[in-house]
């Protein structure tokens, strides 16, 4: 960052923390984050404990959701407030204490030094052995849907520059927001790099979200986003494949009929089912493609 006279100006750094029932850890996260940023914003996403009150008492700007509506909604509120504050750099981190705020300068410095738009704090570059095996496996599977070049697509510890903050607006309500932001960033041509971070999985707190449910939520969010991003490919290719399979079974049915003058019910039903599936998918692909094209022209 530099001013008009060529003198470097320290960027205005804001930490954004989505939180839901994190009264056990929010104090430490806010206090430590304040050491490395200019402002801390906490989105209390409908907590039923003292999360919001504690964060506010410790100097954080608190956004209050009346009910719990998900991490994605919290991130949208945080990004909006950060834009209102005219932040130059936004740091996002979790409120449960798993992320170490001491890594904030490392991520911010990488953003400025490398001249990129987003820096992802990766748990998988140096500290793989510390991560539970089910988390490591789940993250690898989710990477296949999101971005194979990023080792930790589910990391919530990230740094965004002003350009990416202005261009990215989360639409996903739930846990799929981290994947959504990466996919959108790639589509918009934003530059992304990773740096290693430390992570603490020994946090003493009850799990609020079953890992299987978490993974399913993320996958469904990714599928939903991809289906509207390229409907002709997402629905059209499976639809065309189903119609080709249907054609094969219709020809097989016709061949049997010409020889025996009878119809093999099982083969005919497969042909009919594949035809219906193919037509539905192709119709969906065309309708969505037209609707999305019209919406894009109006925006």
Foldseek 3Di string as FASTA:
>chain_A
DADPVRHDDDFQEEEEEEDAQQPVQQLVVLVLLVVPHVAYEYEHQCHPDCNQVNNVVNHHHYHYDVHHFAPLVSVLVRLVVCVVVVGFKYWYAYRLPFFDSVCVVVQVCCCVVVVFFKEFADQPPPPPVVDPPVVQVLQCVLCVLAPVVDSGLQGRGMMGGPVLSVVDRGDDRYSLRSRVSRRVCVVVVGGYYYDYGGTDPPRPDDDPDDPVRSSVSNVVVSLVVVCLVQVCVSLVVLLVVLQVLLVVLVVVQVVCCVVPVDGDVVSNVSSVVSNVSSVVSNVRSVVSVVVSVVVVVVD
